[in-house]
Amino acid sequence: MEKNSDEKEIQQLKNRFHDLADKSFRQGVYTFTGFLGLSEQDLFWQEEKGLKYAGYRLNGGYEGAERVLIRFGSPEELGYETEFPIACIRIAPLARKFADELSHRDFLGALMNLGIERSTMGDIKVADDEAFLFCLDSISDFICGNLAQVKHTSVKCSIAEDIGQLPKEEPVSVNLHVPSLRADAVLARVYDLSREKSIALFQAGKVYINGRRCENNSRQLKAGETVNARGFGKFTLSGEPRETRKGRLTVEAEVFR
């Protein structure tokens, strides 16, 4: 029963993509999805060939966002440009010295307790005791007017006009020695996993390469590609591989913990 329910939701989302693309193409307007996580984005990529006639673009409010909106329509076809309906809200404690140590889960829980849908919210970037939330601009006033507490900490919300304040993800540069650029071999080396555990992540559908689910663990990675392994983090190959005297490869990766 649960499997049938999941299949129904998957088909409904795929149908939604086609409806939005069709509306954009027929009416000459931009249309938008809600915020989509990686698994939902993968459904879009499965349907992409049948949607590209309308034109599309992905945006989560900042470069490298994990949760994104998809906009159907293109300036070339429609003759005009429009902004993505995304707002950024800064959530900060009223009194920092009395603030709890707050995690991503704490902020997300407080927001979900407001009764709003997850699809209205994008990424939550946490730094020290504050957070930056990307959300639909249609819900931003409601959040600012109603989110007053996270855990036991009283907070204030304001629209962040300049996302230059956004906390930067600082990756750790590592040099890896790998037998090949097979995705399972590189992932195993980055996260110190056995090859069997690495392959299991692919088989479970938990690995995404450049935002697309990858179940082919023998796929060869290329410089510049980003790998996201659910439950572990993400990394980007940042340079071309170099062969060692023993025939192995040395490659540099930027690892986000």
C-alpha atoms as a PDB file:
ATOM      1  CA  MET A   1       0.000   0.000   0.000  1.00  0.00           C
ATOM      2  CA  GLU A   2       2.820   2.371   0.948  1.00  0.00           C
ATOM      3  CA  LYS A   3       4.673   1.526  -2.255  1.00  0.00           C
ATOM      4  CA  ASN A   4       1.604   2.316  -4.339  1.00  0.00           C
ATOM      5  CA  SER A   5       1.247   5.622  -2.463  1.00  0.00           C
ATOM      6  CA  ASP A   6       4.887   6.527  -3.215  1.00  0.00           C
ATOM      7  CA  GLU A   7       4.456   5.631  -6.887  1.00  0.00           C
ATOM      8  CA  LYS A   8       1.339   7.797  -7.050  1.00  0.00           C
ATOM      9  CA  GLU A   9       3.189  10.791  -5.550  1.00  0.00           C
ATOM     10  CA  ILE A  10       6.077  10.287  -7.971  1.00  0.00           C
ATOM     11  CA  GLN A  11       3.718  10.255 -10.940  1.00  0.00           C
ATOM     12  CA  GLN A  12       1.862  13.308  -9.631  1.00  0.00           C
ATOM     13  CA  LEU A  13       5.111  15.278  -9.433  1.00  0.00           C
ATOM     14  CA  LYS A  14       6.135  14.208 -12.932  1.00  0.00           C
ATOM     15  CA  ASN A  15       2.713  15.264 -14.224  1.00  0.00           C
ATOM     16  CA  ARG A  16       3.151  18.577 -12.428  1.00  0.00           C
ATOM     17  CA  PHE A  17       6.385  19.238 -14.320  1.00  0.00           C
ATOM     18  CA  HIS A  18       4.640  18.630 -17.637  1.00  0.00           C
ATOM     19  CA  ASP A  19       1.671  20.803 -16.675  1.00  0.00           C
ATOM     20  CA  LEU A  20       3.942  23.711 -15.745  1.00  0.00           C
ATOM     21  CA  ALA A  21       6.019  23.363 -18.911  1.00  0.00           C
ATOM     22  CA  ASP A  22       2.868  23.209 -21.044  1.00  0.00           C
ATOM     23  CA  LYS A  23       1.354  26.275 -19.351  1.00  0.00           C
ATOM     24  CA  SER A  24       4.557  28.261 -19.847  1.00  0.00           C
ATOM     25  CA  PHE A  25       4.797  27.300 -23.519  1.00  0.00           C
ATOM     26  CA  ARG A  26       1.120  27.834 -24.374  1.00  0.00           C
ATOM     27  CA  GLN A  27       0.470  30.998 -22.362  1.00  0.00           C
ATOM     28  CA  GLY A  28       3.848  32.661 -22.800  1.00  0.00           C
ATOM     29  CA  VAL A  29       4.487  33.039 -19.077  1.00  0.00           C
ATOM     30  CA  TYR A  30       7.057  31.810 -16.592  1.00  0.00           C
ATOM     31  CA  THR A  31       5.922  29.035 -14.253  1.00  0.00           C
ATOM     32  CA  PHE A  32       7.645  27.743 -11.126  1.00  0.00           C
ATOM     33  CA  THR A  33       7.764  24.597  -9.040  1.00  0.00           C
ATOM     34  CA  GLY A  34       8.122  24.702  -5.281  1.00  0.00           C
ATOM     35  CA  PHE A  35      11.513  23.970  -3.730  1.00  0.00           C
ATOM     36  CA  LEU A  36      12.720  20.507  -4.702  1.00  0.00           C
ATOM     37  CA  GLY A  37      15.160  18.268  -2.883  1.00  0.00           C
ATOM     38  CA  LEU A  38      17.674  16.039  -4.663  1.00  0.00           C
ATOM     39  CA  SER A  39      15.326  13.070  -5.058  1.00  0.00           C
ATOM     40  CA  GLU A  40      12.631  15.319  -6.535  1.00  0.00           C
ATOM     41  CA  GLN A  41      15.141  16.973  -8.844  1.00  0.00           C
ATOM     42  CA  ASP A  42      16.091  13.504 -10.036  1.00  0.00           C
ATOM     43  CA  LEU A  43      12.489  12.966 -11.158  1.00  0.00           C
ATOM     44  CA  PHE A  44      12.763  16.170 -13.175  1.00  0.00           C
ATOM     45  CA  TRP A  45      15.936  14.929 -14.878  1.00  0.00           C
ATOM     46  CA  GLN A  46      14.156  11.685 -15.721  1.00  0.00           C
ATOM     47  CA  GLU A  47      11.549  13.740 -17.585  1.00  0.00           C
ATOM     48  CA  GLU A  48      13.907  16.437 -18.890  1.00  0.00           C
ATOM     49  CA  LYS A  49      13.869  15.394 -22.542  1.00  0.00           C
ATOM     50  CA  GLY A  50      10.113  15.879 -22.692  1.00  0.00           C
ATOM     51  CA  LEU A  51      10.275  19.256 -20.909  1.00  0.00           C
ATOM     52  CA  LYS A  52      13.127  21.127 -22.549  1.00  0.00           C
ATOM     53  CA  TYR A  53      10.885  22.450 -25.349  1.00  0.00           C
ATOM     54  CA  ALA A  54       9.577  24.991 -22.827  1.00  0.00           C
ATOM     55  CA  GLY A  55      13.016  26.044 -21.587  1.00  0.00           C
ATOM     56  CA  TYR A  56      13.968  25.765 -17.940  1.00  0.00           C
ATOM     57  CA  ARG A  57      16.379  26.981 -15.299  1.00  0.00           C
ATOM     58  CA  LEU A  58      17.171  25.835 -11.741  1.00  0.00           C
ATOM     59  CA  ASN A  59      17.856  28.281  -8.893  1.00  0.00           C
ATOM     60  CA  GLY A  60      17.932  27.971  -5.126  1.00  0.00           C
ATOM     61  CA  GLY A  61      18.747  31.580  -4.281  1.00  0.00           C
ATOM     62  CA  TYR A  62      22.529  31.232  -4.270  1.00  0.00           C
ATOM     63  CA  GLU A  63      25.211  29.304  -6.124  1.00  0.00           C
ATOM     64  CA  GLY A  64      25.495  25.695  -5.021  1.00  0.00           C
ATOM     65  CA  ALA A  65      22.060  25.480  -3.357  1.00  0.00           C
ATOM     66  CA  GLU A  66      20.863  21.928  -2.745  1.00  0.00           C
ATOM     67  CA  ARG A  67      17.128  22.684  -2.731  1.00  0.00           C
ATOM     68  CA  VAL A  68      16.032  24.579  -5.839  1.00  0.00           C
ATOM     69  CA  LEU A  69      13.065  25.926  -7.758  1.00  0.00           C
ATOM     70  CA  ILE A  70      12.635  25.049 -11.419  1.00  0.00           C
ATOM     71  CA  ARG A  71      11.425  27.837 -13.686  1.00  0.00           C
ATOM     72  CA  PHE A  72       9.868  26.914 -17.000  1.00  0.00           C
ATOM     73  CA  GLY A  73      10.160  29.439 -19.827  1.00  0.00           C
ATOM     74  CA  SER A  74      13.135  31.253 -21.355  1.00  0.00           C
ATOM     75  CA  PRO A  75      13.876  34.928 -22.082  1.00  0.00           C
ATOM     76  CA  GLU A  76      14.598  34.013 -25.694  1.00  0.00           C
ATOM     77  CA  GLU A  77      11.126  32.571 -26.237  1.00  0.00           C
ATOM     78  CA  LEU A  78       9.100  34.831 -23.936  1.00  0.00           C
ATOM     79  CA  GLY A  79      10.882  38.076 -24.749  1.00  0.00           C
ATOM     80  CA  TYR A  80      11.349  39.173 -21.145  1.00  0.00           C
ATOM     81  CA  GLU A  81      13.125  38.131 -17.952  1.00  0.00           C
ATOM     82  CA  THR A  82      11.722  37.663 -14.472  1.00  0.00           C
ATOM     83  CA  GLU A  83      13.254  37.032 -11.072  1.00  0.00           C
ATOM     84  CA  PHE A  84      12.820  33.814  -9.167  1.00  0.00           C
ATOM     85  CA  PRO A  85      10.279  34.325  -6.330  1.00  0.00           C
ATOM     86  CA  ILE A  86      12.871  33.650  -3.629  1.00  0.00           C
ATOM     87  CA  ALA A  87      13.448  35.598  -0.425  1.00  0.00           C
ATOM     88  CA  CYS A  88      16.251  35.176   2.094  1.00  0.00           C
ATOM     89  CA  ILE A  89      15.369  35.564   5.777  1.00  0.00           C
ATOM     90  CA  ARG A  90      17.944  36.120   8.479  1.00  0.00           C
ATOM     91  CA  ILE A  91      16.962  34.464  11.772  1.00  0.00           C
ATOM     92  CA  ALA A  92      18.985  35.775  14.712  1.00  0.00           C
ATOM     93  CA  PRO A  93      18.644  35.540  18.508  1.00  0.00           C
ATOM     94  CA  LEU A  94      17.318  38.572  20.357  1.00  0.00           C
ATOM     95  CA  ALA A  95      19.984  38.172  23.038  1.00  0.00           C
ATOM     96  CA  ARG A  96      23.036  36.336  21.778  1.00  0.00           C
ATOM     97  CA  LYS A  97      24.603  35.688  25.180  1.00  0.00           C
ATOM     98  CA  PHE A  98      21.497  33.755  26.279  1.00  0.00           C
ATOM     99  CA  ALA A  99      21.038  31.859  23.011  1.00  0.00           C
ATOM    100  CA  ASP A 100      21.064  28.067  22.772  1.00  0.00           C
ATOM    101  CA  GLU A 101      23.477  26.347  20.436  1.00  0.00           C
ATOM    102  CA  LEU A 102      21.137  25.919  17.492  1.00  0.00           C
ATOM    103  CA  SER A 103      21.441  23.367  14.684  1.00  0.00           C
ATOM    104  CA  HIS A 104      19.919  23.069  11.237  1.00  0.00           C
ATOM    105  CA  ARG A 105      17.388  20.630  12.705  1.00  0.00           C
ATOM    106  CA  ASP A 106      16.367  23.148  15.380  1.00  0.00           C
ATOM    107  CA  PHE A 107      15.650  25.869  12.810  1.00  0.00           C
ATOM    108  CA  LEU A 108      13.833  23.492  10.461  1.00  0.00           C
ATOM    109  CA  GLY A 109      11.718  22.101  13.317  1.00  0.00           C
ATOM    110  CA  ALA A 110      10.663  25.573  14.447  1.00  0.00           C
ATOM    111  CA  LEU A 111       9.699  26.493  10.884  1.00  0.00           C
ATOM    112  CA  MET A 112       7.725  23.293  10.322  1.00  0.00           C
ATOM    113  CA  ASN A 113       5.859  23.958  13.581  1.00  0.00           C
ATOM    114  CA  LEU A 114       4.420  27.057  11.901  1.00  0.00           C
ATOM    115  CA  GLY A 115       2.426  24.695   9.699  1.00  0.00           C
ATOM    116  CA  ILE A 116       4.055  25.660   6.407  1.00  0.00           C
ATOM    117  CA  GLU A 117       4.927  23.142   3.713  1.00  0.00           C
ATOM    118  CA  ARG A 118       8.488  22.007   3.109  1.00  0.00           C
ATOM    119  CA  SER A 119       8.149  22.899  -0.577  1.00  0.00           C
ATOM    120  CA  THR A 120       7.942  26.591   0.382  1.00  0.00           C
ATOM    121  CA  MET A 121      11.415  26.461   1.955  1.00  0.00           C
ATOM    122  CA  GLY A 122      14.816  26.013   0.398  1.00  0.00           C
ATOM    123  CA  ASP A 123      18.186  25.666   2.105  1.00  0.00           C
ATOM    124  CA  ILE A 124      18.849  26.773   5.671  1.00  0.00           C
ATOM    125  CA  LYS A 125      22.419  27.982   6.132  1.00  0.00           C
ATOM    126  CA  VAL A 126      23.495  27.985   9.784  1.00  0.00           C
ATOM    127  CA  ALA A 127      26.450  29.920  11.170  1.00  0.00           C
ATOM    128  CA  ASP A 128      27.187  30.351  14.861  1.00  0.00           C
ATOM    129  CA  ASP A 129      23.825  31.105  16.479  1.00  0.00           C
ATOM    130  CA  GLU A 130      21.911  32.437  13.472  1.00  0.00           C
ATOM    131  CA  ALA A 131      20.553  31.111  10.201  1.00  0.00           C
ATOM    132  CA  PHE A 132      19.696  32.265   6.699  1.00  0.00           C
ATOM    133  CA  LEU A 133      16.571  30.712   5.248  1.00  0.00           C
ATOM    134  CA  PHE A 134      15.729  30.718   1.542  1.00  0.00           C
ATOM    135  CA  CYS A 135      11.991  30.551   0.957  1.00  0.00           C
ATOM    136  CA  LEU A 136       9.245  31.568  -1.439  1.00  0.00           C
ATOM    137  CA  ASP A 137       8.747  35.309  -1.190  1.00  0.00           C
ATOM    138  CA  SER A 138       4.999  34.691  -0.799  1.00  0.00           C
ATOM    139  CA  ILE A 139       5.626  33.088   2.600  1.00  0.00           C
ATOM    140  CA  SER A 140       8.383  35.432   3.845  1.00  0.00           C
ATOM    141  CA  ASP A 141       6.081  37.942   5.603  1.00  0.00           C
ATOM    142  CA  PHE A 142       4.284  35.124   7.408  1.00  0.00           C
ATOM    143  CA  ILE A 143       7.555  33.656   8.665  1.00  0.00           C
ATOM    144  CA  CYS A 144       8.906  37.038   9.766  1.00  0.00           C
ATOM    145  CA  GLY A 145       5.681  37.766  11.612  1.00  0.00           C
ATOM    146  CA  ASN A 146       5.274  34.403  13.311  1.00  0.00           C
ATOM    147  CA  LEU A 147       8.657  32.816  13.979  1.00  0.00           C
ATOM    148  CA  ALA A 148       9.554  34.106  17.433  1.00  0.00           C
ATOM    149  CA  GLN A 149      11.361  31.178  19.031  1.00  0.00           C
ATOM    150  CA  VAL A 150      13.750  28.417  18.036  1.00  0.00           C
ATOM    151  CA  LYS A 151      14.201  25.779  20.723  1.00  0.00           C
ATOM    152  CA  HIS A 152      14.331  27.938  23.891  1.00  0.00           C
ATOM    153  CA  THR A 153      15.822  30.961  22.147  1.00  0.00           C
ATOM    154  CA  SER A 154      13.797  34.050  21.283  1.00  0.00           C
ATOM    155  CA  VAL A 155      14.608  35.163  17.738  1.00  0.00           C
ATOM    156  CA  LYS A 156      13.945  38.001  15.336  1.00  0.00           C
ATOM    157  CA  CYS A 157      13.511  37.599  11.583  1.00  0.00           C
ATOM    158  CA  SER A 158      14.346  40.084   8.872  1.00  0.00           C
ATOM    159  CA  ILE A 159      14.694  40.019   5.110  1.00  0.00           C
ATOM    160  CA  ALA A 160      18.353  39.784   4.141  1.00  0.00           C
ATOM    161  CA  GLU A 161      18.750  42.224   1.276  1.00  0.00           C
ATOM    162  CA  ASP A 162      22.409  41.313   0.776  1.00  0.00           C
ATOM    163  CA  ILE A 163      23.256  37.614   0.813  1.00  0.00           C
ATOM    164  CA  GLY A 164      26.895  38.575   1.011  1.00  0.00           C
ATOM    165  CA  GLN A 165      26.376  37.904   4.730  1.00  0.00           C
ATOM    166  CA  LEU A 166      25.611  34.288   3.906  1.00  0.00           C
ATOM    167  CA  PRO A 167      27.960  31.910   5.733  1.00  0.00           C
ATOM    168  CA  LYS A 168      30.429  30.419   3.310  1.00  0.00           C
ATOM    169  CA  GLU A 169      30.944  26.696   3.084  1.00  0.00           C
ATOM    170  CA  GLU A 170      34.676  26.281   3.342  1.00  0.00           C
ATOM    171  CA  PRO A 171      35.694  22.956   1.815  1.00  0.00           C
ATOM    172  CA  VAL A 172      38.765  21.040   2.842  1.00  0.00           C
ATOM    173  CA  SER A 173      41.203  20.375   0.000  1.00  0.00           C
ATOM    174  CA  VAL A 174      42.492  16.816   0.025  1.00  0.00           C
ATOM    175  CA  ASN A 175      44.779  14.853  -2.275  1.00  0.00           C
ATOM    176  CA  LEU A 176      43.479  11.370  -2.967  1.00  0.00           C
ATOM    177  CA  HIS A 177      45.339   8.322  -4.229  1.00  0.00           C
ATOM    178  CA  VAL A 178      42.858   6.144  -6.102  1.00  0.00           C
ATOM    179  CA  PRO A 179      43.161   3.163  -8.446  1.00  0.00           C
ATOM    180  CA  SER A 180      40.836   4.845 -10.964  1.00  0.00           C
ATOM    181  CA  LEU A 181      38.267   7.631 -11.288  1.00  0.00           C
ATOM    182  CA  ARG A 182      35.360   5.217 -10.859  1.00  0.00           C
ATOM    183  CA  ALA A 183      32.763   6.968  -8.743  1.00  0.00           C
ATOM    184  CA  ASP A 184      32.648   4.193  -6.122  1.00  0.00           C
ATOM    185  CA  ALA A 185      36.442   4.188  -5.747  1.00  0.00           C
ATOM    186  CA  VAL A 186      36.689   7.952  -5.287  1.00  0.00           C
ATOM    187  CA  LEU A 187      33.716   8.109  -2.907  1.00  0.00           C
ATOM    188  CA  ALA A 188      35.161   5.269  -0.820  1.00  0.00           C
ATOM    189  CA  ARG A 189      38.480   7.114  -0.553  1.00  0.00           C
ATOM    190  CA  VAL A 190      36.909  10.483   0.357  1.00  0.00           C
ATOM    191  CA  TYR A 191      34.799   9.042   3.187  1.00  0.00           C
ATOM    192  CA  ASP A 192      37.135   6.211   4.217  1.00  0.00           C
ATOM    193  CA  LEU A 193      34.627   3.508   3.309  1.00  0.00           C
ATOM    194  CA  SER A 194      35.096  -0.018   2.076  1.00  0.00           C
ATOM    195  CA  ARG A 195      34.348  -0.514  -1.616  1.00  0.00           C
ATOM    196  CA  GLU A 196      31.353  -2.672  -0.593  1.00  0.00           C
ATOM    197  CA  LYS A 197      29.829   0.116   1.510  1.00  0.00           C
ATOM    198  CA  SER A 198      30.475   2.633  -1.240  1.00  0.00           C
ATOM    199  CA  ILE A 199      28.719   0.432  -3.820  1.00  0.00           C
ATOM    200  CA  ALA A 200      25.800  -0.049  -1.414  1.00  0.00           C
ATOM    201  CA  LEU A 201      25.226   3.715  -1.362  1.00  0.00           C
ATOM    202  CA  PHE A 202      24.844   3.696  -5.144  1.00  0.00           C
ATOM    203  CA  GLN A 203      22.527   0.707  -5.027  1.00  0.00           C
ATOM    204  CA  ALA A 204      20.376   2.456  -2.404  1.00  0.00           C
ATOM    205  CA  GLY A 205      20.017   5.524  -4.642  1.00  0.00           C
ATOM    206  CA  LYS A 206      21.823   7.784  -2.187  1.00  0.00           C
ATOM    207  CA  VAL A 207      24.476   9.160  -4.536  1.00  0.00           C
ATOM    208  CA  TYR A 208      23.930  12.171  -6.797  1.00  0.00           C
ATOM    209  CA  ILE A 209      26.394  13.509  -9.331  1.00  0.00           C
ATOM    210  CA  ASN A 210      25.791  17.113 -10.419  1.00  0.00           C
ATOM    211  CA  GLY A 211      22.311  16.895  -8.894  1.00  0.00           C
ATOM    212  CA  ARG A 212      21.308  13.690 -10.684  1.00  0.00           C
ATOM    213  CA  ARG A 213      20.878  10.345  -9.008  1.00  0.00           C
ATOM    214  CA  CYS A 214      23.615   7.927 -10.050  1.00  0.00           C
ATOM    215  CA  GLU A 215      23.217   4.176  -9.587  1.00  0.00           C
ATOM    216  CA  ASN A 216      26.105   3.361 -11.921  1.00  0.00           C
ATOM    217  CA  ASN A 217      28.928   3.009  -9.428  1.00  0.00           C
ATOM    218  CA  SER A 218      31.485   2.396 -12.192  1.00  0.00           C
ATOM    219  CA  ARG A 219      30.804   5.780 -13.796  1.00  0.00           C
ATOM    220  CA  GLN A 220      34.018   7.719 -14.425  1.00  0.00           C
ATOM    221  CA  LEU A 221      34.176  11.070 -12.640  1.00  0.00           C
ATOM    222  CA  LYS A 222      35.473  14.194 -14.345  1.00  0.00           C
ATOM    223  CA  ALA A 223      37.142  17.332 -13.004  1.00  0.00           C
ATOM    224  CA  GLY A 224      34.568  19.861 -11.807  1.00  0.00           C
ATOM    225  CA  GLU A 225      31.850  17.308 -11.031  1.00  0.00           C
ATOM    226  CA  THR A 226      30.158  17.394  -7.636  1.00  0.00           C
ATOM    227  CA  VAL A 227      29.186  14.221  -5.801  1.00  0.00           C
ATOM    228  CA  ASN A 228      26.604  14.277  -3.015  1.00  0.00           C
ATOM    229  CA  ALA A 229      26.322  11.169  -0.847  1.00  0.00           C
ATOM    230  CA  ARG A 230      23.289  11.365   1.417  1.00  0.00           C
ATOM    231  CA  GLY A 231      24.325  11.083   5.058  1.00  0.00           C
ATOM    232  CA  PHE A 232      27.981  11.868   4.336  1.00  0.00           C
ATOM    233  CA  GLY A 233      28.224  15.209   2.525  1.00  0.00           C
ATOM    234  CA  LYS A 234      29.486  16.326  -0.843  1.00  0.00           C
ATOM    235  CA  PHE A 235      32.737  16.850  -2.648  1.00  0.00           C
ATOM    236  CA  THR A 236      33.953  18.274  -5.946  1.00  0.00           C
ATOM    237  CA  LEU A 237      36.869  17.037  -8.012  1.00  0.00           C
ATOM    238  CA  SER A 238      38.907  20.184  -8.465  1.00  0.00           C
ATOM    239  CA  GLY A 239      41.700  19.178 -10.795  1.00  0.00           C
ATOM    240  CA  GLU A 240      42.829  16.756 -13.445  1.00  0.00           C
ATOM    241  CA  PRO A 241      44.274  13.460 -12.156  1.00  0.00           C
ATOM    242  CA  ARG A 242      48.006  12.768 -12.200  1.00  0.00           C
ATOM    243  CA  GLU A 243      49.448   9.293 -12.545  1.00  0.00           C
ATOM    244  CA  THR A 244      51.955   8.116  -9.947  1.00  0.00           C
ATOM    245  CA  ARG A 245      54.991   5.946 -10.647  1.00  0.00           C
ATOM    246  CA  LYS A 246      53.060   2.937  -9.353  1.00  0.00           C
ATOM    247  CA  GLY A 247      50.261   3.437 -11.843  1.00  0.00           C
ATOM    248  CA  ARG A 248      47.743   4.859  -9.383  1.00  0.00           C
ATOM    249  CA  LEU A 249      46.084   8.249  -9.729  1.00  0.00           C
ATOM    250  CA  THR A 250      46.405  11.329  -7.568  1.00  0.00           C
ATOM    251  CA  VAL A 251      43.470  13.703  -7.709  1.00  0.00           C
ATOM    252  CA  GLU A 252      42.492  16.764  -5.666  1.00  0.00           C
ATOM    253  CA  ALA A 253      39.015  17.119  -4.171  1.00  0.00           C
ATOM    254  CA  GLU A 254      37.220  19.871  -2.283  1.00  0.00           C
ATOM    255  CA  VAL A 255      35.316  18.136   0.512  1.00  0.00           C
ATOM    256  CA  PHE A 256      32.365  19.780   2.267  1.00  0.00           C
ATOM    257  CA  ARG A 257      31.762  18.257   5.683  1.00  0.00           C
END
